[in-house]
């Protein structure tokens, strides 16, 4: 038997929070990965929001459990954590690059 992939059902509040994170500067890929949303869906929501057309128009919208404030906070914190990890990794690479540059200039100075 072949299992069909379940289609995600998201509340309007969840969609708006995901779009808000993208508008705040997070990449669609990072937000999608952290929140477990396909990047294509998130990109579509961002486009719809830009046109003022993002609504909870799912036929099953009323049957989907609402996202609690705690779940929203967890999603926001996960996105912030992913952003901070990315910034940390960039800073580590920059520090390693400049340390290597300093080391090379010290070795070549003839001391």
C-alpha atoms as a PDB file:
ATOM      1  CA  UNK A   1       0.000   0.000   0.000  1.00  0.00           C
ATOM      2  CA  UNK A   2       1.338   3.442  -0.921  1.00  0.00           C
ATOM      3  CA  UNK A   3       0.938   6.127   1.722  1.00  0.00           C
ATOM      4  CA  UNK A   4      -0.270   9.440   0.379  1.00  0.00           C
ATOM      5  CA  UNK A   5       1.506  12.527   1.600  1.00  0.00           C
ATOM      6  CA  UNK A   6      -0.731  14.522   3.908  1.00  0.00           C
ATOM      7  CA  UNK A   7      -1.383  18.084   2.885  1.00  0.00           C
ATOM      8  CA  UNK A   8      -0.551  20.595   5.597  1.00  0.00           C
ATOM      9  CA  UNK A   9      -3.404  22.590   7.077  1.00  0.00           C
ATOM     10  CA  UNK A  10      -2.417  25.852   8.705  1.00  0.00           C
ATOM     11  CA  UNK A  11      -4.449  28.469  10.515  1.00  0.00           C
ATOM     12  CA  UNK A  12      -4.446  32.036   9.299  1.00  0.00           C
ATOM     13  CA  UNK A  13      -2.567  33.084  12.434  1.00  0.00           C
ATOM     14  CA  UNK A  14       0.165  30.533  11.737  1.00  0.00           C
ATOM     15  CA  UNK A  15       0.487  31.718   8.135  1.00  0.00           C
ATOM     16  CA  UNK A  16       0.654  35.354   9.241  1.00  0.00           C
ATOM     17  CA  UNK A  17       3.358  34.573  11.814  1.00  0.00           C
ATOM     18  CA  UNK A  18       5.429  32.753   9.191  1.00  0.00           C
ATOM     19  CA  UNK A  19       5.017  35.669   6.761  1.00  0.00           C
ATOM     20  CA  UNK A  20       5.924  38.124   9.533  1.00  0.00           C
ATOM     21  CA  UNK A  21       9.193  36.272  10.139  1.00  0.00           C
ATOM     22  CA  UNK A  22      10.049  36.445   6.440  1.00  0.00           C
ATOM     23  CA  UNK A  23       9.217  40.157   6.372  1.00  0.00           C
ATOM     24  CA  UNK A  24      11.468  40.635   9.414  1.00  0.00           C
ATOM     25  CA  UNK A  25      14.425  39.489   7.332  1.00  0.00           C
ATOM     26  CA  UNK A  26      14.507  35.728   7.715  1.00  0.00           C
ATOM     27  CA  UNK A  27      14.914  33.737   4.545  1.00  0.00           C
ATOM     28  CA  UNK A  28      11.970  31.710   3.285  1.00  0.00           C
ATOM     29  CA  UNK A  29      14.116  28.576   3.424  1.00  0.00           C
ATOM     30  CA  UNK A  30      15.106  29.053   7.079  1.00  0.00           C
ATOM     31  CA  UNK A  31      11.602  29.948   8.263  1.00  0.00           C
ATOM     32  CA  UNK A  32      10.123  27.050   6.310  1.00  0.00           C
ATOM     33  CA  UNK A  33      12.632  24.591   7.726  1.00  0.00           C
ATOM     34  CA  UNK A  34      12.204  25.794  11.309  1.00  0.00           C
ATOM     35  CA  UNK A  35       8.403  25.844  11.173  1.00  0.00           C
ATOM     36  CA  UNK A  36       8.092  22.693   9.064  1.00  0.00           C
ATOM     37  CA  UNK A  37       6.435  24.465   6.146  1.00  0.00           C
ATOM     38  CA  UNK A  38       7.344  23.752   2.517  1.00  0.00           C
ATOM     39  CA  UNK A  39       9.238  26.730   1.070  1.00  0.00           C
ATOM     40  CA  UNK A  40       6.859  26.827  -1.896  1.00  0.00           C
ATOM     41  CA  UNK A  41       3.856  27.245   0.401  1.00  0.00           C
ATOM     42  CA  UNK A  42       5.573  29.946   2.425  1.00  0.00           C
ATOM     43  CA  UNK A  43       6.610  31.820  -0.731  1.00  0.00           C
ATOM     44  CA  UNK A  44       3.014  31.690  -1.921  1.00  0.00           C
ATOM     45  CA  UNK A  45       1.777  33.082   1.397  1.00  0.00           C
ATOM     46  CA  UNK A  46       4.290  35.942   1.203  1.00  0.00           C
ATOM     47  CA  UNK A  47       3.099  36.801  -2.331  1.00  0.00           C
ATOM     48  CA  UNK A  48      -0.554  36.614  -1.281  1.00  0.00           C
ATOM     49  CA  UNK A  49       0.124  38.795   1.755  1.00  0.00           C
ATOM     50  CA  UNK A  50       1.867  41.400  -0.407  1.00  0.00           C
ATOM     51  CA  UNK A  51      -1.314  41.599  -2.508  1.00  0.00           C
ATOM     52  CA  UNK A  52      -3.522  41.634   0.587  1.00  0.00           C
ATOM     53  CA  UNK A  53      -5.053  38.296  -0.342  1.00  0.00           C
ATOM     54  CA  UNK A  54      -3.751  36.035   2.434  1.00  0.00           C
ATOM     55  CA  UNK A  55      -6.763  34.505   4.136  1.00  0.00           C
ATOM     56  CA  UNK A  56      -7.637  31.292   5.892  1.00  0.00           C
ATOM     57  CA  UNK A  57      -9.745  30.164   2.959  1.00  0.00           C
ATOM     58  CA  UNK A  58      -9.082  26.461   3.457  1.00  0.00           C
ATOM     59  CA  UNK A  59     -12.290  24.489   3.275  1.00  0.00           C
ATOM     60  CA  UNK A  60     -11.249  22.674   6.429  1.00  0.00           C
ATOM     61  CA  UNK A  61     -10.080  25.826   8.226  1.00  0.00           C
ATOM     62  CA  UNK A  62     -12.696  25.514  10.944  1.00  0.00           C
ATOM     63  CA  UNK A  63     -11.645  21.924  11.672  1.00  0.00           C
ATOM     64  CA  UNK A  64      -7.973  22.721  12.127  1.00  0.00           C
ATOM     65  CA  UNK A  65      -6.934  23.208  15.721  1.00  0.00           C
ATOM     66  CA  UNK A  66      -5.938  26.791  16.383  1.00  0.00           C
ATOM     67  CA  UNK A  67      -2.282  27.473  17.046  1.00  0.00           C
ATOM     68  CA  UNK A  68      -1.859  28.397  20.682  1.00  0.00           C
ATOM     69  CA  UNK A  69       0.164  31.426  21.777  1.00  0.00           C
ATOM     70  CA  UNK A  70       2.720  29.014  23.204  1.00  0.00           C
ATOM     71  CA  UNK A  71       3.120  27.297  19.824  1.00  0.00           C
ATOM     72  CA  UNK A  72       3.530  30.688  18.158  1.00  0.00           C
ATOM     73  CA  UNK A  73       6.199  31.641  20.689  1.00  0.00           C
ATOM     74  CA  UNK A  74       8.009  28.343  20.154  1.00  0.00           C
ATOM     75  CA  UNK A  75       7.942  28.900  16.392  1.00  0.00           C
ATOM     76  CA  UNK A  76       9.243  32.450  16.818  1.00  0.00           C
ATOM     77  CA  UNK A  77      12.013  31.286  19.158  1.00  0.00           C
ATOM     78  CA  UNK A  78      13.023  28.466  16.792  1.00  0.00           C
ATOM     79  CA  UNK A  79      13.298  30.943  13.930  1.00  0.00           C
ATOM     80  CA  UNK A  80      15.332  33.322  16.094  1.00  0.00           C
ATOM     81  CA  UNK A  81      17.557  30.430  17.187  1.00  0.00           C
ATOM     82  CA  UNK A  82      18.175  29.452  13.556  1.00  0.00           C
ATOM     83  CA  UNK A  83      19.026  33.069  12.681  1.00  0.00           C
ATOM     84  CA  UNK A  84      21.424  33.368  15.618  1.00  0.00           C
ATOM     85  CA  UNK A  85      23.151  30.097  14.723  1.00  0.00           C
ATOM     86  CA  UNK A  86      23.611  31.341  11.175  1.00  0.00           C
ATOM     87  CA  UNK A  87      25.066  34.634  12.448  1.00  0.00           C
ATOM     88  CA  UNK A  88      27.372  32.738  14.828  1.00  0.00           C
ATOM     89  CA  UNK A  89      28.641  30.517  12.020  1.00  0.00           C
ATOM     90  CA  UNK A  90      29.366  33.555   9.852  1.00  0.00           C
ATOM     91  CA  UNK A  91      31.218  35.239  12.722  1.00  0.00           C
ATOM     92  CA  UNK A  92      33.284  32.079  13.347  1.00  0.00           C
ATOM     93  CA  UNK A  93      34.283  31.894   9.692  1.00  0.00           C
ATOM     94  CA  UNK A  94      35.199  35.576   9.645  1.00  0.00           C
ATOM     95  CA  UNK A  95      37.264  35.213  12.831  1.00  0.00           C
ATOM     96  CA  UNK A  96      39.099  32.205  11.388  1.00  0.00           C
ATOM     97  CA  UNK A  97      39.809  34.115   8.169  1.00  0.00           C
ATOM     98  CA  UNK A  98      41.204  37.145   9.985  1.00  0.00           C
ATOM     99  CA  UNK A  99      43.192  34.990  12.421  1.00  0.00           C
ATOM    100  CA  UNK A 100      44.793  33.228   9.475  1.00  0.00           C
ATOM    101  CA  UNK A 101      45.620  36.595   7.897  1.00  0.00           C
ATOM    102  CA  UNK A 102      47.212  37.840  11.154  1.00  0.00           C
ATOM    103  CA  UNK A 103      49.161  34.620  11.532  1.00  0.00           C
ATOM    104  CA  UNK A 104      50.550  34.850   8.008  1.00  0.00           C
ATOM    105  CA  UNK A 105      51.584  38.492   8.431  1.00  0.00           C
ATOM    106  CA  UNK A 106      53.292  37.661  11.767  1.00  0.00           C
ATOM    107  CA  UNK A 107      55.247  34.775  10.267  1.00  0.00           C
ATOM    108  CA  UNK A 108      56.405  36.862   7.343  1.00  0.00           C
ATOM    109  CA  UNK A 109      57.493  39.879   9.417  1.00  0.00           C
ATOM    110  CA  UNK A 110      60.933  38.377  10.174  1.00  0.00           C
ATOM    111  CA  UNK A 111      60.706  38.436  13.965  1.00  0.00           C
END
